[in-house]
Amino acid sequence: MRGWPVTHLDARRGGALLALLAAVVVWTEAAGSLPGLGGRADTAVAVCVLMPATLAVAWLAVPLAGARRLLPAAVVLLVAAFTFEAVGLDGFFNAAKLCAYVIFGFWFLELFEVLSWVVLVAFVIPWVDALSVWRGPTKVVVEEHPGLFERIAIVFRLPGGDASASLGPPDVVFLSLFLAAAARFHLRVAATFLATVALLGLTLALAVVFDLNGLPALPAVSLGFLLPNADLIWRARPRRQGTGVAPGQG
């Protein structure tokens, strides 16, 4: 089990995080009143701007992943989120949900003693997600209760009207878990974030091109962790003698 390199935000990173959260709030509230783009332009905005900017909250918050009392903090944020919803503050609702899922993902990592456990999860969850989207609970929620899905999902509001792209809670939780794992086990945090965002963008684009109701996002999240860190993960594997070679800082 490796220690955390840092457990607090410096002033520059903290300021960037607050500014980004403010931008998420403002955009969610204002996007509907902007001129609509439609078609491929909407997809480009979601893939190239909205998704990377929104998910960068998890990347900027990674130093907090080693802090204490993360689970209570996630619960408080979730309660705050649904309080914002009750009073009609959609932007704060979306931002608070995002923060709650990110913090929960950081806390979830505490259950994993070694890197190999995280890698195992990264190999397993894409298959579980694909089955859920194909014939499981995700399919039921998306097709039969779309309002519920939008309520619990992170929404990337598109300009004009009420159109939006969305990511479910597990997608954000595991993205946050893998980013935190990359920091804790001295892998490549920035490369993990960039690869994950690129693959999520590709997933969204494919869903639009083929006019699908949705595609599983966790394969993109898992590959975004595994691909840029494959060499370091391999070098960190346990040896027969029971010792491991610590990976270098990426």
Protein backbone atom coordinates (compact mmCIF):
# COMPACT_ATOMS: atom_id res chain seq x y z
CA MET A 1 0.00 0.00 0.00
CA ARG A 2 1.54 3.28 -1.09
CA GLY A 3 1.17 6.64 0.61
CA TRP A 4 -0.29 9.74 -0.96
CA PRO A 5 2.13 12.25 -2.47
CA VAL A 6 -0.09 15.15 -1.25
CA THR A 7 -3.37 15.40 0.65
CA HIS A 8 -4.27 19.06 0.13
CA LEU A 9 -4.84 21.56 -2.65
CA ASP A 10 -2.35 24.35 -3.19
CA ALA A 11 -3.76 27.83 -3.79
CA ARG A 12 -3.37 27.70 -7.55
CA ARG A 13 -5.05 24.32 -7.97
CA GLY A 14 -7.77 25.16 -5.46
CA GLY A 15 -8.54 28.41 -7.27
CA ALA A 16 -8.74 26.60 -10.60
CA LEU A 17 -11.10 24.02 -9.08
CA LEU A 18 -13.44 26.68 -7.68
CA ALA A 19 -13.41 28.57 -10.98
CA LEU A 20 -14.24 25.42 -12.90
CA LEU A 21 -17.12 24.54 -10.56
CA ALA A 22 -18.47 28.06 -10.96
CA ALA A 23 -18.28 27.63 -14.73
CA VAL A 24 -20.21 24.34 -14.50
CA VAL A 25 -22.93 26.08 -12.48
CA VAL A 26 -23.19 29.06 -14.84
CA TRP A 27 -23.16 26.95 -18.01
CA THR A 28 -25.82 24.54 -16.73
CA GLU A 29 -28.09 27.46 -15.85
CA ALA A 30 -27.46 29.53 -18.99
CA ALA A 31 -26.97 27.00 -21.81
CA GLY A 32 -30.68 26.64 -22.53
CA SER A 33 -31.01 30.35 -23.34
CA LEU A 34 -28.12 30.35 -25.83
CA PRO A 35 -28.61 29.90 -29.58
CA GLY A 36 -28.82 26.24 -30.53
CA LEU A 37 -26.22 24.59 -32.74
CA GLY A 38 -27.69 21.20 -33.56
CA GLY A 39 -26.33 18.11 -35.22
CA ARG A 40 -22.60 17.50 -35.31
CA ALA A 41 -21.85 20.89 -33.79
CA ASP A 42 -23.61 19.85 -30.57
CA THR A 43 -21.58 16.65 -30.48
CA ALA A 44 -18.35 18.56 -31.04
CA VAL A 45 -19.14 20.98 -28.21
CA ALA A 46 -19.95 18.11 -25.83
CA VAL A 47 -16.87 16.06 -26.77
CA CYS A 48 -14.29 18.81 -27.09
CA VAL A 49 -15.43 21.33 -24.46
CA LEU A 50 -18.15 20.35 -22.03
CA MET A 51 -17.03 16.84 -21.10
CA PRO A 52 -13.31 17.63 -20.63
CA ALA A 53 -14.02 20.83 -18.70
CA THR A 54 -16.58 19.25 -16.39
CA LEU A 55 -14.57 16.10 -15.68
CA ALA A 56 -11.45 18.17 -15.03
CA VAL A 57 -13.04 18.78 -11.63
CA ALA A 58 -12.03 15.22 -10.70
CA TRP A 59 -8.48 15.76 -11.97
CA LEU A 60 -8.01 19.03 -10.09
CA ALA A 61 -9.44 17.50 -6.90
CA VAL A 62 -7.11 14.45 -6.91
CA PRO A 63 -4.87 15.80 -4.10
CA LEU A 64 -7.89 15.58 -1.78
CA ALA A 65 -8.12 11.82 -2.32
CA GLY A 66 -5.83 11.13 0.61
CA ALA A 67 -7.87 13.22 3.04
CA ARG A 68 -9.92 11.85 5.92
CA ARG A 69 -13.72 11.66 6.28
CA LEU A 70 -14.34 11.47 2.55
CA LEU A 71 -17.50 9.38 2.85
CA PRO A 72 -19.31 11.84 5.14
CA ALA A 73 -18.25 14.64 2.80
CA ALA A 74 -19.75 12.79 -0.17
CA VAL A 75 -23.02 12.25 1.71
CA VAL A 76 -23.22 15.93 2.67
CA LEU A 77 -22.61 16.97 -0.93
CA LEU A 78 -25.31 14.62 -2.17
CA VAL A 79 -27.81 15.99 0.36
CA ALA A 80 -26.85 19.51 -0.73
CA ALA A 81 -27.35 18.52 -4.37
CA PHE A 82 -30.94 17.38 -3.88
CA THR A 83 -31.62 20.44 -1.75
CA PHE A 84 -30.51 22.59 -4.68
CA GLU A 85 -32.80 20.57 -6.94
CA ALA A 86 -35.74 21.13 -4.63
CA VAL A 87 -35.34 24.91 -4.88
CA GLY A 88 -34.79 24.87 -8.64
CA LEU A 89 -31.05 25.63 -8.76
CA ASP A 90 -30.11 23.24 -11.58
CA GLY A 91 -26.55 24.50 -11.96
CA PHE A 92 -25.71 23.99 -8.29
CA PHE A 93 -27.55 20.65 -8.39
CA ASN A 94 -25.33 19.42 -11.23
CA ALA A 95 -22.11 20.71 -9.66
CA ALA A 96 -22.90 19.26 -6.23
CA LYS A 97 -23.74 15.85 -7.73
CA LEU A 98 -20.46 15.93 -9.60
CA CYS A 99 -18.50 16.72 -6.44
CA ALA A 100 -20.34 14.02 -4.47
CA TYR A 101 -19.52 11.33 -7.04
CA VAL A 102 -15.90 12.44 -7.29
CA ILE A 103 -15.40 12.37 -3.52
CA PHE A 104 -17.16 9.02 -3.27
CA GLY A 105 -14.78 7.63 -5.90
CA PHE A 106 -11.83 8.87 -3.86
CA TRP A 107 -13.23 7.22 -0.74
CA PHE A 108 -13.92 3.98 -2.62
CA LEU A 109 -10.20 3.67 -3.35
CA GLU A 110 -9.57 3.28 0.38
CA LEU A 111 -10.98 -0.26 0.06
CA PHE A 112 -8.14 -1.28 -2.28
CA GLU A 113 -4.92 -2.25 -0.55
CA VAL A 114 -2.73 -2.78 -3.61
CA LEU A 115 -2.58 -1.71 -7.24
CA SER A 116 -3.41 -5.20 -8.51
CA TRP A 117 -6.89 -4.92 -6.98
CA VAL A 118 -7.53 -1.70 -8.90
CA VAL A 119 -6.28 -3.31 -12.12
CA LEU A 120 -8.60 -6.29 -11.58
CA VAL A 121 -11.57 -3.94 -11.19
CA ALA A 122 -10.54 -2.12 -14.36
CA PHE A 123 -10.69 -5.42 -16.26
CA VAL A 124 -14.04 -6.50 -14.78
CA ILE A 125 -16.27 -3.42 -14.77
CA PRO A 126 -16.46 -2.90 -18.57
CA TRP A 127 -18.17 -6.29 -18.94
CA VAL A 128 -20.56 -5.57 -16.08
CA ASP A 129 -21.39 -2.17 -17.56
CA ALA A 130 -21.91 -3.56 -21.06
CA LEU A 131 -24.30 -6.20 -19.70
CA SER A 132 -26.16 -3.57 -17.67
CA VAL A 133 -26.59 -1.30 -20.70
CA TRP A 134 -27.57 -4.20 -22.95
CA ARG A 135 -30.05 -6.05 -20.74
CA GLY A 136 -29.62 -4.88 -17.17
CA PRO A 137 -30.70 -2.06 -14.86
CA THR A 138 -29.07 0.71 -16.91
CA LYS A 139 -31.20 -0.23 -19.92
CA VAL A 140 -34.35 -0.21 -17.78
CA VAL A 141 -33.60 3.19 -16.24
CA VAL A 142 -32.58 4.87 -19.53
CA GLU A 143 -35.49 3.52 -21.59
CA GLU A 144 -38.30 3.34 -19.06
CA HIS A 145 -37.37 6.06 -16.56
CA PRO A 146 -35.36 8.69 -18.50
CA GLY A 147 -36.28 11.38 -15.98
CA LEU A 148 -34.70 9.38 -13.18
CA PHE A 149 -31.50 8.86 -15.16
CA GLU A 150 -31.16 12.57 -15.89
CA ARG A 151 -31.84 13.33 -12.25
CA ILE A 152 -28.95 11.22 -10.97
CA ALA A 153 -26.58 11.66 -13.93
CA ILE A 154 -24.05 14.39 -14.56
CA VAL A 155 -25.51 16.55 -17.30
CA PHE A 156 -23.57 18.33 -20.05
CA ARG A 157 -26.20 20.86 -21.15
CA LEU A 158 -26.06 21.71 -24.85
CA PRO A 159 -26.69 25.23 -26.17
CA GLY A 160 -30.34 25.95 -26.86
CA GLY A 161 -33.36 24.11 -25.48
CA ASP A 162 -33.16 21.22 -23.04
CA ALA A 163 -30.88 18.87 -25.01
CA SER A 164 -27.97 17.38 -23.10
CA ALA A 165 -25.43 14.60 -22.93
CA SER A 166 -25.05 12.67 -19.68
CA LEU A 167 -22.76 10.39 -17.70
CA GLY A 168 -24.11 8.06 -15.04
CA PRO A 169 -22.84 8.09 -11.44
CA PRO A 170 -20.70 4.91 -11.81
CA ASP A 171 -18.82 6.47 -14.73
CA VAL A 172 -17.79 9.49 -12.65
CA VAL A 173 -17.10 7.39 -9.54
CA PHE A 174 -14.73 5.02 -11.34
CA LEU A 175 -13.07 7.83 -13.28
CA SER A 176 -12.31 9.47 -9.93
CA LEU A 177 -11.17 6.19 -8.40
CA PHE A 178 -8.73 5.54 -11.26
CA LEU A 179 -7.35 9.09 -11.17
CA ALA A 180 -6.81 8.77 -7.42
CA ALA A 181 -5.22 5.34 -7.91
CA ALA A 182 -2.84 6.79 -10.48
CA ALA A 183 -1.74 9.38 -7.92
CA ARG A 184 -1.53 6.95 -5.00
CA PHE A 185 0.48 4.32 -6.86
CA HIS A 186 2.67 6.82 -8.71
CA LEU A 187 1.29 6.27 -12.18
CA ARG A 188 0.50 8.89 -14.84
CA VAL A 189 -2.35 11.04 -13.57
CA ALA A 190 -2.49 13.57 -16.40
CA ALA A 191 -2.22 10.90 -19.09
CA THR A 192 -4.96 8.90 -17.38
CA PHE A 193 -7.27 11.89 -17.43
CA LEU A 194 -6.55 12.80 -21.05
CA ALA A 195 -6.91 9.22 -22.30
CA THR A 196 -10.17 8.73 -20.41
CA VAL A 197 -11.70 11.96 -21.68
CA ALA A 198 -10.67 11.13 -25.25
CA LEU A 199 -12.19 7.65 -25.06
CA LEU A 200 -15.38 8.95 -23.45
CA GLY A 201 -15.63 11.50 -26.24
CA LEU A 202 -15.22 8.76 -28.81
CA THR A 203 -17.94 6.73 -27.08
CA LEU A 204 -20.34 9.67 -27.21
CA ALA A 205 -19.52 10.37 -30.86
CA LEU A 206 -20.16 6.74 -31.81
CA ALA A 207 -23.52 6.81 -30.03
CA VAL A 208 -24.51 9.91 -32.02
CA VAL A 209 -23.20 8.62 -35.37
CA PHE A 210 -25.02 5.30 -35.05
CA ASP A 211 -28.09 6.89 -33.44
CA LEU A 212 -27.89 4.75 -30.32
CA ASN A 213 -29.75 5.47 -27.11
CA GLY A 214 -26.50 5.05 -25.23
CA LEU A 215 -23.27 3.11 -25.04
CA PRO A 216 -21.51 1.77 -21.92
CA ALA A 217 -18.99 4.34 -20.73
CA LEU A 218 -17.02 2.23 -18.26
CA PRO A 219 -14.99 0.48 -21.01
CA ALA A 220 -13.64 3.92 -21.94
CA VAL A 221 -12.99 4.76 -18.28
CA SER A 222 -11.13 1.48 -17.69
CA LEU A 223 -9.05 1.71 -20.87
CA GLY A 224 -8.26 5.32 -20.03
CA PHE A 225 -6.60 4.02 -16.87
CA LEU A 226 -4.98 0.86 -18.25
CA LEU A 227 -3.55 2.02 -21.57
CA PRO A 228 -1.37 4.98 -20.51
CA ASN A 229 -0.14 3.10 -17.42
CA ALA A 230 0.35 -0.39 -18.86
CA ASP A 231 4.15 -0.37 -18.61
CA LEU A 232 4.15 0.92 -15.02
CA ILE A 233 1.47 -1.55 -13.99
CA TRP A 234 3.52 -4.39 -15.50
CA ARG A 235 6.67 -3.28 -13.71
CA ALA A 236 4.78 -3.04 -10.41
CA ARG A 237 3.43 -6.60 -10.58
CA PRO A 238 4.36 -8.84 -7.62
CA ARG A 239 7.45 -11.00 -8.10
CA ARG A 240 7.68 -14.65 -7.15
CA GLN A 241 9.77 -13.73 -4.16
CA GLY A 242 6.92 -11.55 -2.95
CA THR A 243 8.57 -8.24 -3.72
CA GLY A 244 7.64 -5.70 -6.30
CA VAL A 245 9.48 -3.13 -8.31
CA ALA A 246 8.12 0.33 -7.60
CA PRO A 247 7.05 2.08 -10.78
CA GLY A 248 8.55 5.39 -11.72
CA GLN A 249 6.68 8.64 -11.60
CA GLY A 250 4.92 9.28 -14.90
